[in-house]
Amino acid sequence: MGGAVQGLSEGGRFPKFLTSAEVAEMLRASPRAMEVLRLKGEGPRYFRFGRGGKAKVLYAAEDVAGWLEEKTREE
């Protein structure tokens, strides 16, 4: 286990979750871009609650931060 889930198992605080729209806004991208990243397996870790078109996708804020850190380039 890693990320937000690990924090819960160790008695940590409950993580803050963000919607696709919130993450997209942070990245100045569209919610559709977040969907494409999920489908390609290239975006941050996410949790999916429910099935089909009614499913809710949430991202732990710390997972988004970690994903962004991995994508940061120093040239």
PDB file of N, CA and C in Angstrom:
ATOM      1  N   MET A   1       0.834  -1.187   0.000  1.00  0.00           N
ATOM      2  CA  MET A   1       0.000   0.000   0.000  1.00  0.00           C
ATOM      3  C   MET A   1       0.875   1.245   0.000  1.00  0.00           C
ATOM      4  N   GLY A   2       0.377   2.307  -0.644  1.00  0.00           N
ATOM      5  CA  GLY A   2       1.151   3.534  -0.661  1.00  0.00           C
ATOM      6  C   GLY A   2       0.231   4.730  -0.694  1.00  0.00           C
ATOM      7  N   GLY A   3       0.816   5.880  -0.667  1.00  0.00           N
ATOM      8  CA  GLY A   3       0.057   7.112  -0.781  1.00  0.00           C
ATOM      9  C   GLY A   3      -0.955   7.295   0.329  1.00  0.00           C
ATOM     10  N   ALA A   4      -2.136   7.749  -0.048  1.00  0.00           N
ATOM     11  CA  ALA A   4      -3.186   8.086   0.910  1.00  0.00           C
ATOM     12  C   ALA A   4      -3.640   6.893   1.728  1.00  0.00           C
ATOM     13  N   VAL A   5      -3.708   5.723   1.108  1.00  0.00           N
ATOM     14  CA  VAL A   5      -4.195   4.538   1.807  1.00  0.00           C
ATOM     15  C   VAL A   5      -3.234   4.145   2.916  1.00  0.00           C
ATOM     16  N   GLN A   6      -1.942   4.249   2.686  1.00  0.00           N
ATOM     17  CA  GLN A   6      -0.954   3.905   3.697  1.00  0.00           C
ATOM     18  C   GLN A   6      -1.113   4.804   4.919  1.00  0.00           C
ATOM     19  N   GLY A   7      -1.355   6.062   4.703  1.00  0.00           N
ATOM     20  CA  GLY A   7      -1.553   6.992   5.815  1.00  0.00           C
ATOM     21  C   GLY A   7      -2.705   6.586   6.707  1.00  0.00           C
ATOM     22  N   LEU A   8      -3.768   6.065   6.122  1.00  0.00           N
ATOM     23  CA  LEU A   8      -4.916   5.615   6.907  1.00  0.00           C
ATOM     24  C   LEU A   8      -4.571   4.388   7.721  1.00  0.00           C
ATOM     25  N   SER A   9      -3.828   3.452   7.130  1.00  0.00           N
ATOM     26  CA  SER A   9      -3.508   2.212   7.823  1.00  0.00           C
ATOM     27  C   SER A   9      -2.562   2.447   8.992  1.00  0.00           C
ATOM     28  N   GLU A  10      -1.845   3.542   8.977  1.00  0.00           N
ATOM     29  CA  GLU A  10      -0.916   3.860  10.053  1.00  0.00           C
ATOM     30  C   GLU A  10      -1.535   4.805  11.074  1.00  0.00           C
ATOM     31  N   GLY A  11      -2.841   4.967  11.026  1.00  0.00           N
ATOM     32  CA  GLY A  11      -3.510   5.826  11.988  1.00  0.00           C
ATOM     33  C   GLY A  11      -3.373   7.300  11.683  1.00  0.00           C
ATOM     34  N   GLY A  12      -2.986   7.619  10.468  1.00  0.00           N
ATOM     35  CA  GLY A  12      -2.834   9.014  10.070  1.00  0.00           C
ATOM     36  C   GLY A  12      -4.184   9.696   9.870  1.00  0.00           C
ATOM     37  N   ARG A  13      -4.111  10.966   9.566  1.00  0.00           N
ATOM     38  CA  ARG A  13      -5.337  11.724   9.303  1.00  0.00           C
ATOM     39  C   ARG A  13      -5.937  11.279   7.985  1.00  0.00           C
ATOM     40  N   PHE A  14      -7.234  11.446   7.863  1.00  0.00           N
ATOM     41  CA  PHE A  14      -7.921  11.114   6.619  1.00  0.00           C
ATOM     42  C   PHE A  14      -7.452  12.094   5.545  1.00  0.00           C
ATOM     43  N   PRO A  15      -7.042  11.606   4.378  1.00  0.00           N
ATOM     44  CA  PRO A  15      -6.493  12.498   3.349  1.00  0.00           C
ATOM     45  C   PRO A  15      -7.559  13.384   2.720  1.00  0.00           C
ATOM     46  N   LYS A  16      -7.122  14.508   2.184  1.00  0.00           N
ATOM     47  CA  LYS A  16      -8.027  15.391   1.440  1.00  0.00           C
ATOM     48  C   LYS A  16      -8.164  14.830   0.032  1.00  0.00           C
ATOM     49  N   PHE A  17      -9.393  14.719  -0.444  1.00  0.00           N
ATOM     50  CA  PHE A  17      -9.654  14.225  -1.784  1.00  0.00           C
ATOM     51  C   PHE A  17     -10.099  15.352  -2.699  1.00  0.00           C
ATOM     52  N   LEU A  18      -9.694  15.261  -3.962  1.00  0.00           N
ATOM     53  CA  LEU A  18     -10.031  16.247  -4.983  1.00  0.00           C
ATOM     54  C   LEU A  18     -10.778  15.556  -6.115  1.00  0.00           C
ATOM     55  N   THR A  19     -11.706  16.265  -6.735  1.00  0.00           N
ATOM     56  CA  THR A  19     -12.412  15.733  -7.900  1.00  0.00           C
ATOM     57  C   THR A  19     -11.553  15.931  -9.146  1.00  0.00           C
ATOM     58  N   SER A  20     -11.950  15.280 -10.234  1.00  0.00           N
ATOM     59  CA  SER A  20     -11.247  15.464 -11.511  1.00  0.00           C
ATOM     60  C   SER A  20     -11.274  16.923 -11.933  1.00  0.00           C
ATOM     61  N   ALA A  21     -12.415  17.575 -11.743  1.00  0.00           N
ATOM     62  CA  ALA A  21     -12.534  18.979 -12.124  1.00  0.00           C
ATOM     63  C   ALA A  21     -11.576  19.857 -11.317  1.00  0.00           C
ATOM     64  N   GLU A  22     -11.419  19.567 -10.020  1.00  0.00           N
ATOM     65  CA  GLU A  22     -10.518  20.354  -9.177  1.00  0.00           C
ATOM     66  C   GLU A  22      -9.058  20.154  -9.598  1.00  0.00           C
ATOM     67  N   VAL A  23      -8.682  18.902  -9.873  1.00  0.00           N
ATOM     68  CA  VAL A  23      -7.315  18.636 -10.311  1.00  0.00           C
ATOM     69  C   VAL A  23      -7.070  19.284 -11.671  1.00  0.00           C
ATOM     70  N   ALA A  24      -8.043  19.152 -12.568  1.00  0.00           N
ATOM     71  CA  ALA A  24      -7.907  19.763 -13.894  1.00  0.00           C
ATOM     72  C   ALA A  24      -7.718  21.276 -13.771  1.00  0.00           C
ATOM     73  N   GLU A  25      -8.487  21.910 -12.897  1.00  0.00           N
ATOM     74  CA  GLU A  25      -8.365  23.359 -12.706  1.00  0.00           C
ATOM     75  C   GLU A  25      -6.974  23.715 -12.177  1.00  0.00           C
ATOM     76  N   MET A  26      -6.460  22.921 -11.245  1.00  0.00           N
ATOM     77  CA  MET A  26      -5.117  23.163 -10.707  1.00  0.00           C
ATOM     78  C   MET A  26      -4.067  23.099 -11.816  1.00  0.00           C
ATOM     79  N   LEU A  27      -4.268  22.176 -12.762  1.00  0.00           N
ATOM     80  CA  LEU A  27      -3.299  21.959 -13.842  1.00  0.00           C
ATOM     81  C   LEU A  27      -3.580  22.813 -15.075  1.00  0.00           C
ATOM     82  N   ARG A  28      -4.659  23.611 -15.004  1.00  0.00           N
ATOM     83  CA  ARG A  28      -5.102  24.409 -16.152  1.00  0.00           C
ATOM     84  C   ARG A  28      -5.355  23.506 -17.359  1.00  0.00           C
ATOM     85  N   ALA A  29      -6.018  22.386 -17.079  1.00  0.00           N
ATOM     86  CA  ALA A  29      -6.375  21.404 -18.103  1.00  0.00           C
ATOM     87  C   ALA A  29      -7.893  21.197 -18.045  1.00  0.00           C
ATOM     88  N   SER A  30      -8.415  20.427 -18.970  1.00  0.00           N
ATOM     89  CA  SER A  30      -9.845  20.126 -18.964  1.00  0.00           C
ATOM     90  C   SER A  30     -10.103  18.838 -18.190  1.00  0.00           C
ATOM     91  N   PRO A  31     -11.321  18.668 -17.671  1.00  0.00           N
ATOM     92  CA  PRO A  31     -11.671  17.392 -17.039  1.00  0.00           C
ATOM     93  C   PRO A  31     -11.496  16.220 -18.009  1.00  0.00           C
ATOM     94  N   ARG A  32     -11.730  16.464 -19.283  1.00  0.00           N
ATOM     95  CA  ARG A  32     -11.532  15.413 -20.293  1.00  0.00           C
ATOM     96  C   ARG A  32     -10.062  15.006 -20.367  1.00  0.00           C
ATOM     97  N   ALA A  33      -9.157  15.961 -20.219  1.00  0.00           N
ATOM     98  CA  ALA A  33      -7.724  15.643 -20.223  1.00  0.00           C
ATOM     99  C   ALA A  33      -7.388  14.717 -19.066  1.00  0.00           C
ATOM    100  N   MET A  34      -8.015  14.928 -17.912  1.00  0.00           N
ATOM    101  CA  MET A  34      -7.792  14.044 -16.765  1.00  0.00           C
ATOM    102  C   MET A  34      -8.304  12.641 -17.064  1.00  0.00           C
ATOM    103  N   GLU A  35      -9.438  12.567 -17.733  1.00  0.00           N
ATOM    104  CA  GLU A  35      -9.991  11.274 -18.113  1.00  0.00           C
ATOM    105  C   GLU A  35      -9.037  10.527 -19.055  1.00  0.00           C
ATOM    106  N   VAL A  36      -8.489  11.237 -20.025  1.00  0.00           N
ATOM    107  CA  VAL A  36      -7.558  10.628 -20.983  1.00  0.00           C
ATOM    108  C   VAL A  36      -6.312  10.123 -20.248  1.00  0.00           C
ATOM    109  N   LEU A  37      -5.792  10.914 -19.312  1.00  0.00           N
ATOM    110  CA  LEU A  37      -4.628  10.477 -18.539  1.00  0.00           C
ATOM    111  C   LEU A  37      -4.945   9.204 -17.751  1.00  0.00           C
ATOM    112  N   ARG A  38      -6.154   9.138 -17.175  1.00  0.00           N
ATOM    113  CA  ARG A  38      -6.554   7.921 -16.445  1.00  0.00           C
ATOM    114  C   ARG A  38      -6.603   6.726 -17.375  1.00  0.00           C
ATOM    115  N   LEU A  39      -7.225   6.900 -18.540  1.00  0.00           N
ATOM    116  CA  LEU A  39      -7.378   5.790 -19.480  1.00  0.00           C
ATOM    117  C   LEU A  39      -6.028   5.287 -19.982  1.00  0.00           C
ATOM    118  N   LYS A  40      -5.059   6.191 -20.132  1.00  0.00           N
ATOM    119  CA  LYS A  40      -3.720   5.813 -20.587  1.00  0.00           C
ATOM    120  C   LYS A  40      -2.838   5.310 -19.444  1.00  0.00           C
ATOM    121  N   GLY A  41      -3.308   5.444 -18.211  1.00  0.00           N
ATOM    122  CA  GLY A  41      -2.506   5.052 -17.060  1.00  0.00           C
ATOM    123  C   GLY A  41      -1.356   5.998 -16.787  1.00  0.00           C
ATOM    124  N   GLU A  42      -1.493   7.252 -17.213  1.00  0.00           N
ATOM    125  CA  GLU A  42      -0.413   8.226 -17.094  1.00  0.00           C
ATOM    126  C   GLU A  42      -0.655   9.303 -16.044  1.00  0.00           C
ATOM    127  N   GLY A  43      -1.825   9.347 -15.464  1.00  0.00           N
ATOM    128  CA  GLY A  43      -2.150  10.385 -14.495  1.00  0.00           C
ATOM    129  C   GLY A  43      -1.850   9.954 -13.075  1.00  0.00           C
ATOM    130  N   PRO A  44      -2.221  10.810 -12.122  1.00  0.00           N
ATOM    131  CA  PRO A  44      -2.016  10.457 -10.718  1.00  0.00           C
ATOM    132  C   PRO A  44      -2.920   9.293 -10.301  1.00  0.00           C
ATOM    133  N   ARG A  45      -2.533   8.619  -9.220  1.00  0.00           N
ATOM    134  CA  ARG A  45      -3.381   7.545  -8.679  1.00  0.00           C
ATOM    135  C   ARG A  45      -4.755   8.113  -8.361  1.00  0.00           C
ATOM    136  N   TYR A  46      -5.771   7.287  -8.488  1.00  0.00           N
ATOM    137  CA  TYR A  46      -7.135   7.744  -8.212  1.00  0.00           C
ATOM    138  C   TYR A  46      -7.958   6.629  -7.599  1.00  0.00           C
ATOM    139  N   PHE A  47      -9.059   7.021  -7.020  1.00  0.00           N
ATOM    140  CA  PHE A  47     -10.032   6.098  -6.451  1.00  0.00           C
ATOM    141  C   PHE A  47     -11.309   6.225  -7.268  1.00  0.00           C
ATOM    142  N   ARG A  48     -11.930   5.104  -7.564  1.00  0.00           N
ATOM    143  CA  ARG A  48     -13.171   5.116  -8.330  1.00  0.00           C
ATOM    144  C   ARG A  48     -14.255   4.490  -7.462  1.00  0.00           C
ATOM    145  N   PHE A  49     -15.316   5.227  -7.239  1.00  0.00           N
ATOM    146  CA  PHE A  49     -16.421   4.768  -6.417  1.00  0.00           C
ATOM    147  C   PHE A  49     -17.663   4.632  -7.287  1.00  0.00           C
ATOM    148  N   GLY A  50     -18.233   3.453  -7.364  1.00  0.00           N
ATOM    149  CA  GLY A  50     -19.415   3.222  -8.186  1.00  0.00           C
ATOM    150  C   GLY A  50     -19.043   2.569  -9.497  1.00  0.00           C
ATOM    151  N   ARG A  51     -20.035   2.448 -10.362  1.00  0.00           N
ATOM    152  CA  ARG A  51     -19.842   1.784 -11.651  1.00  0.00           C
ATOM    153  C   ARG A  51     -20.399   2.631 -12.792  1.00  0.00           C
ATOM    154  N   GLY A  52     -19.841   2.391 -13.970  1.00  0.00           N
ATOM    155  CA  GLY A  52     -20.355   3.028 -15.184  1.00  0.00           C
ATOM    156  C   GLY A  52     -20.241   4.536 -15.170  1.00  0.00           C
ATOM    157  N   GLY A  53     -21.173   5.165 -15.880  1.00  0.00           N
ATOM    158  CA  GLY A  53     -21.160   6.616 -16.030  1.00  0.00           C
ATOM    159  C   GLY A  53     -21.438   7.382 -14.758  1.00  0.00           C
ATOM    160  N   LYS A  54     -21.961   6.717 -13.749  1.00  0.00           N
ATOM    161  CA  LYS A  54     -22.274   7.383 -12.476  1.00  0.00           C
ATOM    162  C   LYS A  54     -21.128   7.280 -11.470  1.00  0.00           C
ATOM    163  N   ALA A  55     -20.031   6.621 -11.846  1.00  0.00           N
ATOM    164  CA  ALA A  55     -18.908   6.445 -10.929  1.00  0.00           C
ATOM    165  C   ALA A  55     -18.287   7.790 -10.581  1.00  0.00           C
ATOM    166  N   LYS A  56     -17.818   7.904  -9.367  1.00  0.00           N
ATOM    167  CA  LYS A  56     -17.153   9.114  -8.885  1.00  0.00           C
ATOM    168  C   LYS A  56     -15.662   8.835  -8.818  1.00  0.00           C
ATOM    169  N   VAL A  57     -14.864   9.683  -9.425  1.00  0.00           N
ATOM    170  CA  VAL A  57     -13.409   9.553  -9.401  1.00  0.00           C
ATOM    171  C   VAL A  57     -12.854  10.637  -8.482  1.00  0.00           C
ATOM    172  N   LEU A  58     -12.028  10.213  -7.536  1.00  0.00           N
ATOM    173  CA  LEU A  58     -11.401  11.147  -6.609  1.00  0.00           C
ATOM    174  C   LEU A  58      -9.904  10.888  -6.553  1.00  0.00           C
ATOM    175  N   TYR A  59      -9.169  11.952  -6.310  1.00  0.00           N
ATOM    176  CA  TYR A  59      -7.715  11.886  -6.182  1.00  0.00           C
ATOM    177  C   TYR A  59      -7.332  12.355  -4.781  1.00  0.00           C
ATOM    178  N   ALA A  60      -6.437  11.619  -4.121  1.00  0.00           N
ATOM    179  CA  ALA A  60      -5.890  12.099  -2.849  1.00  0.00           C
ATOM    180  C   ALA A  60      -4.922  13.229  -3.178  1.00  0.00           C
ATOM    181  N   ALA A  61      -5.046  14.345  -2.476  1.00  0.00           N
ATOM    182  CA  ALA A  61      -4.203  15.511  -2.753  1.00  0.00           C
ATOM    183  C   ALA A  61      -2.716  15.147  -2.692  1.00  0.00           C
ATOM    184  N   GLU A  62      -2.330  14.293  -1.744  1.00  0.00           N
ATOM    185  CA  GLU A  62      -0.906  13.937  -1.637  1.00  0.00           C
ATOM    186  C   GLU A  62      -0.451  13.093  -2.822  1.00  0.00           C
ATOM    187  N   ASP A  63      -1.347  12.306  -3.422  1.00  0.00           N
ATOM    188  CA  ASP A  63      -0.988  11.539  -4.617  1.00  0.00           C
ATOM    189  C   ASP A  63      -0.804  12.455  -5.822  1.00  0.00           C
ATOM    190  N   VAL A  64      -1.645  13.476  -5.921  1.00  0.00           N
ATOM    191  CA  VAL A  64      -1.505  14.451  -7.007  1.00  0.00           C
ATOM    192  C   VAL A  64      -0.182  15.196  -6.850  1.00  0.00           C
ATOM    193  N   ALA A  65       0.126  15.599  -5.624  1.00  0.00           N
ATOM    194  CA  ALA A  65       1.379  16.316  -5.373  1.00  0.00           C
ATOM    195  C   ALA A  65       2.580  15.440  -5.728  1.00  0.00           C
ATOM    196  N   GLY A  66       2.535  14.170  -5.364  1.00  0.00           N
ATOM    197  CA  GLY A  66       3.627  13.253  -5.690  1.00  0.00           C
ATOM    198  C   GLY A  66       3.786  13.046  -7.180  1.00  0.00           C
ATOM    199  N   TRP A  67       2.656  12.943  -7.877  1.00  0.00           N
ATOM    200  CA  TRP A  67       2.675  12.766  -9.333  1.00  0.00           C
ATOM    201  C   TRP A  67       3.282  14.001  -9.999  1.00  0.00           C
ATOM    202  N   LEU A  68       2.889  15.183  -9.531  1.00  0.00           N
ATOM    203  CA  LEU A  68       3.448  16.420 -10.091  1.00  0.00           C
ATOM    204  C   LEU A  68       4.946  16.504  -9.832  1.00  0.00           C
ATOM    205  N   GLU A  69       5.376  16.076  -8.674  1.00  0.00           N
ATOM    206  CA  GLU A  69       6.803  16.102  -8.350  1.00  0.00           C
ATOM    207  C   GLU A  69       7.576  15.182  -9.296  1.00  0.00           C
ATOM    208  N   GLU A  70       7.005  14.010  -9.594  1.00  0.00           N
ATOM    209  CA  GLU A  70       7.648  13.080 -10.524  1.00  0.00           C
ATOM    210  C   GLU A  70       7.761  13.687 -11.927  1.00  0.00           C
ATOM    211  N   LYS A  71       6.798  14.518 -12.305  1.00  0.00           N
ATOM    212  CA  LYS A  71       6.765  15.124 -13.638  1.00  0.00           C
ATOM    213  C   LYS A  71       7.622  16.370 -13.753  1.00  0.00           C
ATOM    214  N   THR A  72       8.105  16.892 -12.643  1.00  0.00           N
ATOM    215  CA  THR A  72       8.902  18.118 -12.648  1.00  0.00           C
ATOM    216  C   THR A  72      10.273  17.825 -13.255  1.00  0.00           C
ATOM    217  N   ARG A  73      10.679  18.691 -14.168  1.00  0.00           N
ATOM    218  CA  ARG A  73      11.988  18.549 -14.821  1.00  0.00           C
ATOM    219  C   ARG A  73      12.899  19.681 -14.398  1.00  0.00           C
ATOM    220  N   GLU A  74      14.138  19.309 -14.207  1.00  0.00           N
ATOM    221  CA  GLU A  74      15.171  20.327 -13.938  1.00  0.00           C
ATOM    222  C   GLU A  74      16.161  20.238 -15.083  1.00  0.00           C
ATOM    223  N   GLU A  75      16.194  21.265 -15.884  1.00  0.00           N
ATOM    224  CA  GLU A  75      17.095  21.263 -17.059  1.00  0.00           C
ATOM    225  C   GLU A  75      18.017  22.443 -17.026  1.00  0.00           C
TER     226      GLU A  75
END
